[in-house]
Every structure is written in C-alpha cells, then in structure tokens.
Amino acid sequence: MTTTAERLNGLLADVLGGPVPLALRAWDGSECGPAGAPVVIVRSRRALRRLLWQPGELGLAEAYITGDIDIEGDLADGLRTMWAGAREQRLSPTRPGVAQLASAVGAAARLGAVGPPPKAPAGRARLRGARHSTARDRAAISHHYDVSHRFYELLLDPSMAYSCGYWESEDPQYALADAQRAKLELTCRKLGLAPGTRLLDVGCGWGALTLHA
C-alpha cells in the first residue's frame, strides 16, 4: 500500500523532474526518501492546498511561514542538500501545465487535501490598484522596508549592510561582519577609487559603503 509520504514524494518528483533529494515526513507519520538526508515535515493537508492554489516559490514560502511545512534540523543544511541534489540530477522545475495540475489535483483529492485557498499569512502585503502603478509599488516598498532598525539588527552585522557579503575564509571564526568588510573593500578596489573620485551610493544600506570608501 502506498503511504501518504510516498504519494507526496511522487508529486514532488513530478514537479522537480527527478528524484527528490530530501526525505519526507507526512502528517500521518509516514516517511520516505534517502537515508540520512534532511527531513521535510509536511504538517497538514493545508500545505498541499497552498501549493495547489499557488504553485511555485510563493506557495512553498507561505507554507513554511505558516508552519504547514518545516525542515527537521538546520534549515541551511536542508537547502544546501536540496540545491546540491538539484545540480547533480539536473532537476529543472517548471511551472506546471494543465495536465500536470490536473494530475496534482487528483492526487491531492485522494489525500483529502482539496479545498478553498488557505488564509494568507498575517504579514502578507494587501496591495490594491493596477500592478506596478506608482501607488501600488509605493505601498509594496513601504510594506517591506518601513520597519524598525531593531528588526534589521536581528539579521545584519553592526554595519547594517544588507547586500550579500564576500566570504574569503571558511574558518568558523570568520563572521558576517568580516564578510561585509571584505565585500566593501573588494567593491572599492574594483572601482579603482582614488582621491578626487566621486561615488554615488544608491540603496546600499545605512551608509557602510560610503564610509568605507
């Protein structure tokens, strides 16, 4: 008899275009997947409904945010395993076509997961108006960025630079602040800055690049 986890695995393999490099644990406790791989926990049928109504990254992200999907252990390790497996197996997920969606709906129905769209997470922006109109884009930017400095301090190093760092070492003592300093130095050297040079800093954070330059 096919378990819930095996059915979920089949659905995912269909979407990914190849074997799923992670293990799966379904809401009924059934499990399947490679031994020793990070375990994706599908806590409820609602996770499937989210993915049916919003196929792709948005549905997956909202399922994770709401706790319908989780990864056992370290999230970064799970993501690394997923991307490494995708590269090795040359997985290339595409937006599902009509036939694929019909098959997914049928499988979800057999799992008792078909229903109305789940409620959106509380933090999702509720935007109105024409897409990419000035007013709508202004509201989207405000929703994402008009938060307190204390929020960013939870995620960033003291320089408050929020573009990616440049990691020059794998030493465990090499921290985010070191990577951000290395990035600023690399950027300035590649620009060939010298006395009298002008630098326009647009959207690089709280001025770390300008101060370093």
N, C-alpha and C. Protein backbone atom coordinates (compact mmCIF):
# COMPACT_ATOMS: atom_id res chain seq x y z
N MET A 1 0.85 -1.20 0.00
CA MET A 1 0.00 0.00 0.00
C MET A 1 0.89 1.25 0.00
N THR A 2 0.55 2.21 -0.88
CA THR A 2 1.33 3.44 -0.98
C THR A 2 1.02 4.35 0.20
N THR A 3 2.05 4.83 0.90
CA THR A 3 1.85 5.70 2.05
C THR A 3 1.64 7.14 1.61
N THR A 4 1.18 7.96 2.54
CA THR A 4 0.99 9.39 2.25
C THR A 4 2.30 10.04 1.84
N ALA A 5 3.37 9.73 2.57
CA ALA A 5 4.68 10.30 2.25
C ALA A 5 5.13 9.92 0.85
N GLU A 6 4.88 8.67 0.45
CA GLU A 6 5.27 8.22 -0.89
C GLU A 6 4.47 8.94 -1.97
N ARG A 7 3.21 9.20 -1.70
CA ARG A 7 2.40 9.95 -2.67
C ARG A 7 2.90 11.39 -2.80
N LEU A 8 3.23 11.98 -1.65
CA LEU A 8 3.79 13.34 -1.68
C LEU A 8 5.11 13.37 -2.44
N ASN A 9 5.92 12.35 -2.22
CA ASN A 9 7.21 12.25 -2.90
C ASN A 9 7.02 12.16 -4.42
N GLY A 10 6.01 11.40 -4.83
CA GLY A 10 5.71 11.28 -6.25
C GLY A 10 5.29 12.60 -6.86
N LEU A 11 4.47 13.35 -6.12
CA LEU A 11 4.03 14.68 -6.59
C LEU A 11 5.23 15.61 -6.76
N LEU A 12 6.11 15.63 -5.75
CA LEU A 12 7.28 16.49 -5.80
C LEU A 12 8.22 16.10 -6.93
N ALA A 13 8.44 14.82 -7.12
CA ALA A 13 9.32 14.34 -8.18
C ALA A 13 8.79 14.76 -9.54
N ASP A 14 7.46 14.77 -9.67
CA ASP A 14 6.81 15.21 -10.90
C ASP A 14 7.12 16.67 -11.20
N VAL A 15 7.02 17.49 -10.14
CA VAL A 15 7.26 18.93 -10.29
C VAL A 15 8.73 19.21 -10.57
N LEU A 16 9.62 18.52 -9.85
CA LEU A 16 11.06 18.76 -9.97
C LEU A 16 11.67 18.15 -11.22
N GLY A 17 10.99 17.13 -11.76
CA GLY A 17 11.53 16.47 -12.93
C GLY A 17 12.57 15.42 -12.61
N GLY A 18 12.55 14.88 -11.39
CA GLY A 18 13.51 13.85 -10.99
C GLY A 18 13.36 13.51 -9.52
N PRO A 19 14.17 12.58 -9.00
CA PRO A 19 14.07 12.14 -7.60
C PRO A 19 14.26 13.29 -6.62
N VAL A 20 13.50 13.28 -5.55
CA VAL A 20 13.60 14.31 -4.51
C VAL A 20 14.80 14.00 -3.62
N PRO A 21 15.78 14.95 -3.48
CA PRO A 21 16.98 14.65 -2.70
C PRO A 21 16.79 14.74 -1.18
N LEU A 22 15.59 15.05 -0.72
CA LEU A 22 15.30 15.15 0.71
C LEU A 22 14.34 14.05 1.13
N ALA A 23 14.33 13.74 2.42
CA ALA A 23 13.34 12.81 2.96
C ALA A 23 12.06 13.58 3.29
N LEU A 24 10.95 12.87 3.31
CA LEU A 24 9.65 13.49 3.61
C LEU A 24 8.99 12.77 4.77
N ARG A 25 8.35 13.57 5.64
CA ARG A 25 7.51 13.00 6.70
C ARG A 25 6.15 13.67 6.60
N ALA A 26 5.11 12.87 6.42
CA ALA A 26 3.76 13.40 6.24
C ALA A 26 3.05 13.56 7.58
N TRP A 27 1.88 14.20 7.53
CA TRP A 27 1.10 14.49 8.74
C TRP A 27 0.64 13.23 9.45
N ASP A 28 0.62 12.09 8.75
CA ASP A 28 0.18 10.85 9.41
C ASP A 28 1.36 10.05 9.98
N GLY A 29 2.58 10.64 9.91
CA GLY A 29 3.76 9.97 10.46
C GLY A 29 4.52 9.12 9.47
N SER A 30 3.98 8.89 8.29
CA SER A 30 4.69 8.07 7.29
C SER A 30 5.89 8.84 6.75
N GLU A 31 6.96 8.12 6.39
CA GLU A 31 8.19 8.73 5.89
C GLU A 31 8.71 7.99 4.67
N CYS A 32 9.45 8.72 3.84
CA CYS A 32 10.15 8.10 2.73
C CYS A 32 11.27 9.03 2.29
N GLY A 33 12.22 8.50 1.50
CA GLY A 33 13.30 9.33 1.00
C GLY A 33 14.66 8.78 1.37
N PRO A 34 15.72 9.43 0.90
CA PRO A 34 17.09 8.94 1.14
C PRO A 34 17.45 8.90 2.62
N ALA A 35 18.10 7.82 3.05
CA ALA A 35 18.53 7.70 4.44
C ALA A 35 19.59 8.75 4.75
N GLY A 36 19.45 9.39 5.92
CA GLY A 36 20.42 10.39 6.35
C GLY A 36 20.21 11.77 5.76
N ALA A 37 19.26 11.93 4.85
CA ALA A 37 19.00 13.25 4.25
C ALA A 37 18.17 14.10 5.21
N PRO A 38 18.27 15.43 5.12
CA PRO A 38 17.40 16.29 5.91
C PRO A 38 15.93 15.95 5.64
N VAL A 39 15.09 16.07 6.67
CA VAL A 39 13.69 15.67 6.56
C VAL A 39 12.78 16.88 6.43
N VAL A 40 12.00 16.91 5.36
CA VAL A 40 10.96 17.93 5.20
C VAL A 40 9.70 17.39 5.86
N ILE A 41 9.15 18.17 6.78
CA ILE A 41 7.94 17.75 7.50
C ILE A 41 6.74 18.47 6.92
N VAL A 42 5.80 17.72 6.37
CA VAL A 42 4.55 18.28 5.86
C VAL A 42 3.51 18.08 6.95
N ARG A 43 3.22 19.14 7.69
CA ARG A 43 2.44 19.00 8.92
C ARG A 43 0.95 18.81 8.70
N SER A 44 0.43 19.26 7.57
CA SER A 44 -1.01 19.15 7.36
C SER A 44 -1.34 19.15 5.87
N ARG A 45 -2.56 18.75 5.57
CA ARG A 45 -3.05 18.78 4.19
C ARG A 45 -3.10 20.21 3.65
N ARG A 46 -3.19 21.18 4.57
CA ARG A 46 -3.27 22.58 4.16
C ARG A 46 -2.04 23.00 3.34
N ALA A 47 -0.90 22.38 3.63
CA ALA A 47 0.33 22.68 2.87
C ALA A 47 0.12 22.36 1.39
N LEU A 48 -0.52 21.24 1.11
CA LEU A 48 -0.79 20.87 -0.29
C LEU A 48 -1.75 21.86 -0.94
N ARG A 49 -2.76 22.27 -0.17
CA ARG A 49 -3.72 23.24 -0.73
C ARG A 49 -3.03 24.54 -1.09
N ARG A 50 -2.10 24.98 -0.25
CA ARG A 50 -1.35 26.21 -0.56
C ARG A 50 -0.61 26.07 -1.89
N LEU A 51 0.02 24.91 -2.08
CA LEU A 51 0.81 24.69 -3.29
C LEU A 51 -0.08 24.51 -4.52
N LEU A 52 -1.29 23.98 -4.33
CA LEU A 52 -2.21 23.84 -5.46
C LEU A 52 -2.72 25.21 -5.91
N TRP A 53 -3.03 26.08 -4.94
CA TRP A 53 -3.55 27.40 -5.27
C TRP A 53 -2.44 28.36 -5.69
N GLN A 54 -1.22 28.12 -5.18
CA GLN A 54 -0.07 28.99 -5.51
C GLN A 54 1.14 28.13 -5.85
N PRO A 55 1.13 27.47 -7.01
CA PRO A 55 2.27 26.62 -7.37
C PRO A 55 3.54 27.44 -7.46
N GLY A 56 4.63 26.90 -6.95
CA GLY A 56 5.90 27.61 -7.06
C GLY A 56 6.41 28.12 -5.73
N GLU A 57 7.34 29.09 -5.81
CA GLU A 57 8.05 29.55 -4.62
C GLU A 57 7.15 30.26 -3.62
N LEU A 58 6.15 31.03 -4.09
CA LEU A 58 5.29 31.76 -3.16
C LEU A 58 4.49 30.82 -2.27
N GLY A 59 3.88 29.80 -2.88
CA GLY A 59 3.12 28.84 -2.09
C GLY A 59 4.00 28.09 -1.10
N LEU A 60 5.21 27.72 -1.55
CA LEU A 60 6.14 27.00 -0.68
C LEU A 60 6.59 27.88 0.48
N ALA A 61 6.91 29.15 0.17
CA ALA A 61 7.36 30.07 1.22
C ALA A 61 6.25 30.32 2.24
N GLU A 62 5.02 30.50 1.78
CA GLU A 62 3.92 30.76 2.71
C GLU A 62 3.61 29.52 3.55
N ALA A 63 3.77 28.33 2.96
CA ALA A 63 3.56 27.10 3.74
C ALA A 63 4.60 27.00 4.85
N TYR A 64 5.85 27.44 4.55
CA TYR A 64 6.90 27.42 5.58
C TYR A 64 6.63 28.48 6.65
N ILE A 65 6.24 29.67 6.23
CA ILE A 65 5.98 30.77 7.17
C ILE A 65 4.87 30.40 8.15
N THR A 66 3.82 29.75 7.64
CA THR A 66 2.68 29.41 8.50
C THR A 66 2.90 28.14 9.30
N GLY A 67 4.03 27.44 9.06
CA GLY A 67 4.31 26.22 9.82
C GLY A 67 3.69 24.97 9.22
N ASP A 68 3.05 25.08 8.04
CA ASP A 68 2.48 23.89 7.41
C ASP A 68 3.58 22.97 6.89
N ILE A 69 4.74 23.56 6.57
CA ILE A 69 5.91 22.80 6.14
C ILE A 69 7.10 23.24 7.00
N ASP A 70 7.95 22.30 7.36
CA ASP A 70 9.15 22.64 8.13
C ASP A 70 10.28 21.70 7.71
N ILE A 71 11.49 22.03 8.11
CA ILE A 71 12.63 21.15 7.88
C ILE A 71 13.19 20.76 9.24
N GLU A 72 13.36 19.48 9.45
CA GLU A 72 13.90 18.99 10.71
C GLU A 72 15.39 19.30 10.78
N GLY A 73 15.82 19.93 11.85
CA GLY A 73 17.23 20.27 12.00
C GLY A 73 17.54 21.63 11.40
N ASP A 74 18.69 21.75 10.77
CA ASP A 74 19.18 23.02 10.28
C ASP A 74 18.60 23.35 8.91
N LEU A 75 17.92 24.50 8.80
CA LEU A 75 17.30 24.91 7.54
C LEU A 75 18.34 25.08 6.44
N ALA A 76 19.47 25.73 6.77
CA ALA A 76 20.50 25.97 5.76
C ALA A 76 21.04 24.65 5.21
N ASP A 77 21.21 23.65 6.09
CA ASP A 77 21.70 22.35 5.65
C ASP A 77 20.70 21.70 4.70
N GLY A 78 19.42 21.84 5.01
CA GLY A 78 18.38 21.29 4.14
C GLY A 78 18.39 21.94 2.77
N LEU A 79 18.52 23.26 2.74
CA LEU A 79 18.55 23.98 1.47
C LEU A 79 19.79 23.62 0.66
N ARG A 80 20.95 23.50 1.35
CA ARG A 80 22.18 23.12 0.64
C ARG A 80 22.04 21.75 0.00
N THR A 81 21.45 20.81 0.75
CA THR A 81 21.25 19.46 0.22
C THR A 81 20.32 19.49 -0.99
N MET A 82 19.27 20.31 -0.87
CA MET A 82 18.30 20.41 -1.97
C MET A 82 18.97 20.94 -3.23
N TRP A 83 19.73 22.04 -3.11
CA TRP A 83 20.34 22.66 -4.29
C TRP A 83 21.43 21.75 -4.86
N ALA A 84 22.20 21.09 -3.98
CA ALA A 84 23.26 20.19 -4.46
C ALA A 84 22.64 19.02 -5.24
N GLY A 85 21.55 18.47 -4.70
CA GLY A 85 20.87 17.37 -5.39
C GLY A 85 20.29 17.82 -6.72
N ALA A 86 19.75 19.03 -6.72
CA ALA A 86 19.16 19.56 -7.96
C ALA A 86 20.23 19.72 -9.04
N ARG A 87 21.45 20.18 -8.62
CA ARG A 87 22.53 20.34 -9.60
C ARG A 87 23.02 18.99 -10.12
N GLU A 88 23.20 18.05 -9.19
CA GLU A 88 23.73 16.74 -9.57
C GLU A 88 22.76 16.01 -10.51
N GLN A 89 21.47 16.12 -10.22
CA GLN A 89 20.47 15.40 -11.02
C GLN A 89 19.90 16.25 -12.15
N ARG A 90 20.43 17.48 -12.24
CA ARG A 90 19.98 18.41 -13.28
C ARG A 90 18.46 18.58 -13.27
N LEU A 91 17.94 18.76 -12.07
CA LEU A 91 16.50 18.99 -11.92
C LEU A 91 16.18 20.39 -12.40
N SER A 92 15.10 20.52 -13.13
CA SER A 92 14.72 21.84 -13.64
C SER A 92 13.21 22.03 -13.49
N PRO A 93 12.77 22.42 -12.26
CA PRO A 93 11.34 22.60 -12.04
C PRO A 93 10.78 23.68 -12.96
N THR A 94 9.63 23.41 -13.52
CA THR A 94 8.96 24.37 -14.40
C THR A 94 7.55 24.61 -13.87
N ARG A 95 6.95 25.70 -14.33
CA ARG A 95 5.57 25.97 -13.93
C ARG A 95 4.68 24.87 -14.49
N PRO A 96 3.89 24.21 -13.63
CA PRO A 96 3.10 23.06 -14.10
C PRO A 96 2.10 23.44 -15.17
N GLY A 97 1.97 22.55 -16.17
CA GLY A 97 0.99 22.75 -17.23
C GLY A 97 -0.38 22.24 -16.80
N VAL A 98 -1.34 22.30 -17.70
CA VAL A 98 -2.72 21.90 -17.38
C VAL A 98 -2.78 20.43 -16.97
N ALA A 99 -2.12 19.55 -17.74
CA ALA A 99 -2.17 18.12 -17.44
C ALA A 99 -1.52 17.82 -16.09
N GLN A 100 -0.39 18.49 -15.82
CA GLN A 100 0.31 18.26 -14.56
C GLN A 100 -0.52 18.75 -13.38
N LEU A 101 -1.16 19.92 -13.56
CA LEU A 101 -2.02 20.45 -12.48
C LEU A 101 -3.21 19.51 -12.23
N ALA A 102 -3.80 18.98 -13.32
CA ALA A 102 -4.94 18.07 -13.17
C ALA A 102 -4.52 16.82 -12.40
N SER A 103 -3.31 16.30 -12.73
CA SER A 103 -2.79 15.13 -12.03
C SER A 103 -2.55 15.43 -10.56
N ALA A 104 -2.00 16.64 -10.29
CA ALA A 104 -1.72 17.04 -8.90
C ALA A 104 -3.01 17.19 -8.11
N VAL A 105 -4.04 17.77 -8.75
CA VAL A 105 -5.33 17.93 -8.07
C VAL A 105 -5.93 16.56 -7.75
N GLY A 106 -5.81 15.63 -8.70
CA GLY A 106 -6.32 14.28 -8.46
C GLY A 106 -5.62 13.62 -7.30
N ALA A 107 -4.29 13.73 -7.25
CA ALA A 107 -3.53 13.14 -6.15
C ALA A 107 -3.89 13.80 -4.82
N ALA A 108 -4.05 15.15 -4.85
CA ALA A 108 -4.41 15.88 -3.63
C ALA A 108 -5.80 15.47 -3.15
N ALA A 109 -6.71 15.23 -4.09
CA ALA A 109 -8.07 14.80 -3.73
C ALA A 109 -8.03 13.45 -3.02
N ARG A 110 -7.18 12.56 -3.53
CA ARG A 110 -7.06 11.24 -2.88
C ARG A 110 -6.47 11.35 -1.48
N LEU A 111 -5.70 12.43 -1.26
CA LEU A 111 -5.10 12.66 0.07
C LEU A 111 -6.01 13.51 0.96
N GLY A 112 -7.18 13.89 0.43
CA GLY A 112 -8.11 14.72 1.22
C GLY A 112 -7.66 16.14 1.39
N ALA A 113 -6.87 16.65 0.41
CA ALA A 113 -6.28 17.98 0.56
C ALA A 113 -6.92 19.04 -0.33
N VAL A 114 -7.98 18.68 -1.07
CA VAL A 114 -8.61 19.66 -1.95
C VAL A 114 -9.58 20.52 -1.15
N GLY A 115 -9.57 21.83 -1.42
CA GLY A 115 -10.46 22.73 -0.69
C GLY A 115 -10.20 24.17 -1.10
N PRO A 116 -10.86 25.11 -0.44
CA PRO A 116 -10.66 26.53 -0.77
C PRO A 116 -9.24 26.98 -0.43
N PRO A 117 -8.79 28.10 -1.01
CA PRO A 117 -7.44 28.57 -0.71
C PRO A 117 -7.29 28.88 0.77
N PRO A 118 -6.20 28.44 1.40
CA PRO A 118 -5.98 28.74 2.82
C PRO A 118 -5.82 30.24 3.04
N LYS A 119 -6.06 30.66 4.26
CA LYS A 119 -5.92 32.07 4.62
C LYS A 119 -4.46 32.50 4.47
N ALA A 120 -4.26 33.69 3.91
CA ALA A 120 -2.90 34.21 3.70
C ALA A 120 -2.24 34.49 5.04
N PRO A 121 -0.90 34.37 5.12
CA PRO A 121 -0.21 34.72 6.36
C PRO A 121 -0.48 36.17 6.74
N ALA A 122 -0.48 36.45 8.03
CA ALA A 122 -0.83 37.79 8.52
C ALA A 122 0.09 38.86 7.96
N GLY A 123 1.35 38.51 7.68
CA GLY A 123 2.31 39.51 7.24
C GLY A 123 2.29 39.82 5.76
N ARG A 124 1.45 39.14 4.98
CA ARG A 124 1.46 39.37 3.53
C ARG A 124 0.90 40.76 3.20
N ALA A 125 1.56 41.44 2.27
CA ALA A 125 1.09 42.76 1.86
C ALA A 125 -0.25 42.63 1.15
N ARG A 126 -1.19 43.49 1.49
CA ARG A 126 -2.50 43.52 0.83
C ARG A 126 -2.54 44.74 -0.08
N LEU A 127 -2.15 44.53 -1.31
CA LEU A 127 -1.99 45.63 -2.26
C LEU A 127 -3.22 45.78 -3.14
N ARG A 128 -3.50 47.01 -3.50
CA ARG A 128 -4.64 47.32 -4.38
C ARG A 128 -4.18 48.19 -5.54
N GLY A 129 -5.00 48.19 -6.58
CA GLY A 129 -4.68 49.05 -7.72
C GLY A 129 -3.98 48.29 -8.82
N ALA A 130 -3.69 48.97 -9.91
CA ALA A 130 -3.06 48.36 -11.08
C ALA A 130 -1.64 47.91 -10.74
N ARG A 131 -1.26 46.74 -11.23
CA ARG A 131 0.08 46.21 -10.98
C ARG A 131 1.14 47.17 -11.51
N HIS A 132 2.12 47.46 -10.66
CA HIS A 132 3.24 48.36 -10.97
C HIS A 132 2.82 49.81 -11.23
N SER A 133 1.63 50.16 -10.73
CA SER A 133 1.29 51.59 -10.71
C SER A 133 2.13 52.25 -9.62
N THR A 134 2.30 53.57 -9.69
CA THR A 134 3.13 54.27 -8.71
C THR A 134 2.63 54.04 -7.29
N ALA A 135 1.30 54.13 -7.12
CA ALA A 135 0.72 54.00 -5.78
C ALA A 135 0.90 52.58 -5.23
N ARG A 136 0.68 51.56 -6.09
CA ARG A 136 0.80 50.17 -5.64
C ARG A 136 2.25 49.84 -5.30
N ASP A 137 3.19 50.26 -6.17
CA ASP A 137 4.61 49.97 -5.91
C ASP A 137 5.09 50.69 -4.65
N ARG A 138 4.60 51.94 -4.43
CA ARG A 138 4.98 52.67 -3.22
C ARG A 138 4.49 51.92 -1.98
N ALA A 139 3.27 51.38 -2.04
CA ALA A 139 2.72 50.63 -0.91
C ALA A 139 3.50 49.34 -0.66
N ALA A 140 3.93 48.67 -1.75
CA ALA A 140 4.70 47.43 -1.61
C ALA A 140 6.05 47.72 -0.96
N ILE A 141 6.73 48.78 -1.41
CA ILE A 141 8.03 49.14 -0.85
C ILE A 141 7.89 49.51 0.63
N SER A 142 6.85 50.26 0.94
CA SER A 142 6.62 50.66 2.33
C SER A 142 6.38 49.45 3.22
N HIS A 143 5.59 48.49 2.71
CA HIS A 143 5.28 47.30 3.50
C HIS A 143 6.54 46.52 3.85
N HIS A 144 7.46 46.41 2.90
CA HIS A 144 8.64 45.58 3.11
C HIS A 144 9.77 46.29 3.85
N TYR A 145 9.90 47.60 3.66
CA TYR A 145 11.08 48.28 4.18
C TYR A 145 10.82 49.24 5.34
N ASP A 146 9.59 49.68 5.53
CA ASP A 146 9.33 50.63 6.61
C ASP A 146 9.13 49.89 7.93
N VAL A 147 10.20 49.27 8.39
CA VAL A 147 10.18 48.58 9.68
C VAL A 147 11.32 49.16 10.52
N SER A 148 11.30 48.88 11.79
CA SER A 148 12.27 49.50 12.70
C SER A 148 13.68 48.97 12.47
N HIS A 149 14.67 49.75 12.90
CA HIS A 149 16.06 49.31 12.84
C HIS A 149 16.27 48.07 13.68
N ARG A 150 15.49 47.91 14.74
CA ARG A 150 15.67 46.76 15.63
C ARG A 150 15.44 45.45 14.88
N PHE A 151 14.53 45.49 13.90
CA PHE A 151 14.29 44.29 13.08
C PHE A 151 15.55 43.92 12.29
N TYR A 152 16.14 44.92 11.61
CA TYR A 152 17.33 44.66 10.80
C TYR A 152 18.53 44.27 11.67
N GLU A 153 18.58 44.78 12.88
CA GLU A 153 19.69 44.44 13.78
C GLU A 153 19.68 42.95 14.15
N LEU A 154 18.51 42.31 14.05
CA LEU A 154 18.42 40.88 14.33
C LEU A 154 19.10 40.06 13.24
N LEU A 155 19.19 40.61 12.03
CA LEU A 155 19.65 39.86 10.87
C LEU A 155 21.03 40.27 10.37
N LEU A 156 21.41 41.52 10.59
CA LEU A 156 22.59 42.08 9.95
C LEU A 156 23.74 42.27 10.93
N ASP A 157 24.92 42.58 10.37
CA ASP A 157 26.07 42.87 11.23
C ASP A 157 26.01 44.35 11.64
N PRO A 158 26.90 44.82 12.51
CA PRO A 158 26.81 46.20 13.00
C PRO A 158 26.85 47.28 11.92
N SER A 159 27.44 46.97 10.75
CA SER A 159 27.48 47.98 9.68
C SER A 159 26.11 48.16 9.03
N MET A 160 25.19 47.22 9.28
CA MET A 160 23.83 47.23 8.73
C MET A 160 23.82 47.14 7.21
N ALA A 161 24.88 46.61 6.62
CA ALA A 161 24.89 46.37 5.17
C ALA A 161 24.00 45.18 4.88
N TYR A 162 23.08 45.31 3.92
CA TYR A 162 22.15 44.19 3.72
C TYR A 162 22.25 43.55 2.34
N SER A 163 23.27 43.90 1.55
CA SER A 163 23.55 43.08 0.37
C SER A 163 24.50 41.96 0.82
N CYS A 164 24.69 40.94 -0.02
CA CYS A 164 25.43 39.75 0.43
C CYS A 164 26.90 40.07 0.70
N GLY A 165 27.47 39.36 1.65
CA GLY A 165 28.87 39.52 1.99
C GLY A 165 29.77 38.78 1.02
N TYR A 166 31.09 38.98 1.18
CA TYR A 166 32.09 38.31 0.35
C TYR A 166 32.94 37.45 1.28
N TRP A 167 32.71 36.14 1.22
CA TRP A 167 33.33 35.23 2.19
C TRP A 167 34.69 34.79 1.69
N GLU A 168 35.74 35.25 2.37
CA GLU A 168 37.11 34.95 1.97
C GLU A 168 37.69 33.76 2.72
N SER A 169 36.97 33.25 3.70
CA SER A 169 37.50 32.17 4.53
C SER A 169 36.38 31.25 4.98
N GLU A 170 36.73 29.97 5.18
CA GLU A 170 35.77 29.01 5.71
C GLU A 170 35.99 28.79 7.20
N ASP A 171 36.89 29.58 7.79
CA ASP A 171 37.15 29.50 9.23
C ASP A 171 35.86 29.81 9.99
N PRO A 172 35.46 28.96 10.95
CA PRO A 172 34.24 29.20 11.71
C PRO A 172 34.23 30.56 12.42
N GLN A 173 35.44 31.10 12.69
CA GLN A 173 35.52 32.39 13.37
C GLN A 173 35.29 33.56 12.40
N TYR A 174 35.29 33.26 11.11
CA TYR A 174 35.07 34.30 10.09
C TYR A 174 33.57 34.58 10.04
N ALA A 175 33.17 35.75 10.53
CA ALA A 175 31.75 36.04 10.73
C ALA A 175 31.19 36.94 9.64
N LEU A 176 29.89 37.21 9.76
CA LEU A 176 29.21 38.06 8.78
C LEU A 176 29.85 39.43 8.69
N ALA A 177 30.26 40.01 9.81
CA ALA A 177 30.89 41.33 9.79
C ALA A 177 32.18 41.31 8.97
N ASP A 178 32.95 40.23 9.07
CA ASP A 178 34.18 40.10 8.29
C ASP A 178 33.86 40.04 6.79
N ALA A 179 32.83 39.27 6.45
CA ALA A 179 32.44 39.13 5.04
C ALA A 179 31.93 40.46 4.47
N GLN A 180 31.24 41.24 5.29
CA GLN A 180 30.76 42.53 4.81
C GLN A 180 31.92 43.50 4.60
N ARG A 181 32.89 43.50 5.51
CA ARG A 181 34.07 44.37 5.32
C ARG A 181 34.83 43.96 4.06
N ALA A 182 34.97 42.66 3.85
CA ALA A 182 35.68 42.16 2.65
C ALA A 182 34.94 42.59 1.38
N LYS A 183 33.62 42.56 1.43
CA LYS A 183 32.83 42.98 0.26
C LYS A 183 33.05 44.46 -0.03
N LEU A 184 33.01 45.29 1.00
CA LEU A 184 33.19 46.73 0.81
C LEU A 184 34.58 47.02 0.23
N GLU A 185 35.60 46.32 0.77
CA GLU A 185 36.97 46.52 0.29
C GLU A 185 37.10 46.07 -1.17
N LEU A 186 36.54 44.91 -1.48
CA LEU A 186 36.61 44.40 -2.86
C LEU A 186 35.91 45.35 -3.83
N THR A 187 34.75 45.85 -3.44
CA THR A 187 33.99 46.77 -4.30
C THR A 187 34.80 48.04 -4.58
N CYS A 188 35.36 48.61 -3.53
CA CYS A 188 36.12 49.85 -3.70
C CYS A 188 37.38 49.63 -4.54
N ARG A 189 38.04 48.47 -4.36
CA ARG A 189 39.25 48.20 -5.15
C ARG A 189 38.90 47.99 -6.62
N LYS A 190 37.79 47.31 -6.89
CA LYS A 190 37.39 47.06 -8.28
C LYS A 190 36.97 48.35 -8.98
N LEU A 191 36.43 49.29 -8.19
CA LEU A 191 36.05 50.59 -8.77
C LEU A 191 37.28 51.47 -9.02
N GLY A 192 38.40 51.11 -8.41
CA GLY A 192 39.61 51.90 -8.60
C GLY A 192 39.50 53.29 -8.00
N LEU A 193 38.88 53.39 -6.83
CA LEU A 193 38.68 54.70 -6.21
C LEU A 193 40.02 55.35 -5.87
N ALA A 194 40.08 56.67 -6.06
CA ALA A 194 41.30 57.44 -5.77
C ALA A 194 40.88 58.84 -5.34
N PRO A 195 41.80 59.62 -4.74
CA PRO A 195 41.45 60.99 -4.35
C PRO A 195 40.85 61.76 -5.53
N GLY A 196 39.72 62.42 -5.27
CA GLY A 196 39.05 63.18 -6.32
C GLY A 196 37.95 62.40 -7.03
N THR A 197 37.91 61.07 -6.80
CA THR A 197 36.86 60.24 -7.42
C THR A 197 35.52 60.51 -6.75
N ARG A 198 34.46 60.44 -7.52
CA ARG A 198 33.12 60.58 -6.95
C ARG A 198 32.42 59.23 -6.98
N LEU A 199 31.70 58.93 -5.91
CA LEU A 199 30.97 57.67 -5.78
C LEU A 199 29.51 57.96 -5.45
N LEU A 200 28.60 57.41 -6.24
CA LEU A 200 27.17 57.55 -5.98
C LEU A 200 26.68 56.26 -5.32
N ASP A 201 26.28 56.34 -4.08
CA ASP A 201 25.81 55.19 -3.30
C ASP A 201 24.29 55.23 -3.27
N VAL A 202 23.65 54.34 -4.01
CA VAL A 202 22.19 54.31 -4.05
C VAL A 202 21.71 52.96 -3.52
N GLY A 203 21.02 52.98 -2.40
CA GLY A 203 20.39 51.77 -1.88
C GLY A 203 21.34 50.72 -1.35
N CYS A 204 22.50 51.11 -0.84
CA CYS A 204 23.46 50.13 -0.32
C CYS A 204 23.33 49.92 1.18
N GLY A 205 22.31 50.46 1.80
CA GLY A 205 22.10 50.24 3.22
C GLY A 205 22.22 51.52 4.02
N TRP A 206 22.85 51.42 5.17
CA TRP A 206 22.92 52.54 6.10
C TRP A 206 24.23 53.33 5.96
N GLY A 207 24.81 53.35 4.76
CA GLY A 207 25.99 54.17 4.51
C GLY A 207 27.31 53.49 4.70
N ALA A 208 27.33 52.17 4.90
CA ALA A 208 28.59 51.46 5.14
C ALA A 208 29.55 51.60 3.96
N LEU A 209 29.02 51.50 2.74
CA LEU A 209 29.88 51.61 1.56
C LEU A 209 30.50 52.99 1.47
N THR A 210 29.71 54.02 1.68
CA THR A 210 30.22 55.39 1.61
C THR A 210 31.30 55.62 2.68
N LEU A 211 31.05 55.14 3.88
CA LEU A 211 32.02 55.33 4.97
C LEU A 211 33.32 54.58 4.66
N HIS A 212 33.21 53.38 4.15
CA HIS A 212 34.41 52.61 3.83
C HIS A 212 35.19 53.27 2.69
N ALA A 213 34.46 53.74 1.68
CA ALA A 213 35.11 54.41 0.54
C ALA A 213 35.87 55.64 1.01
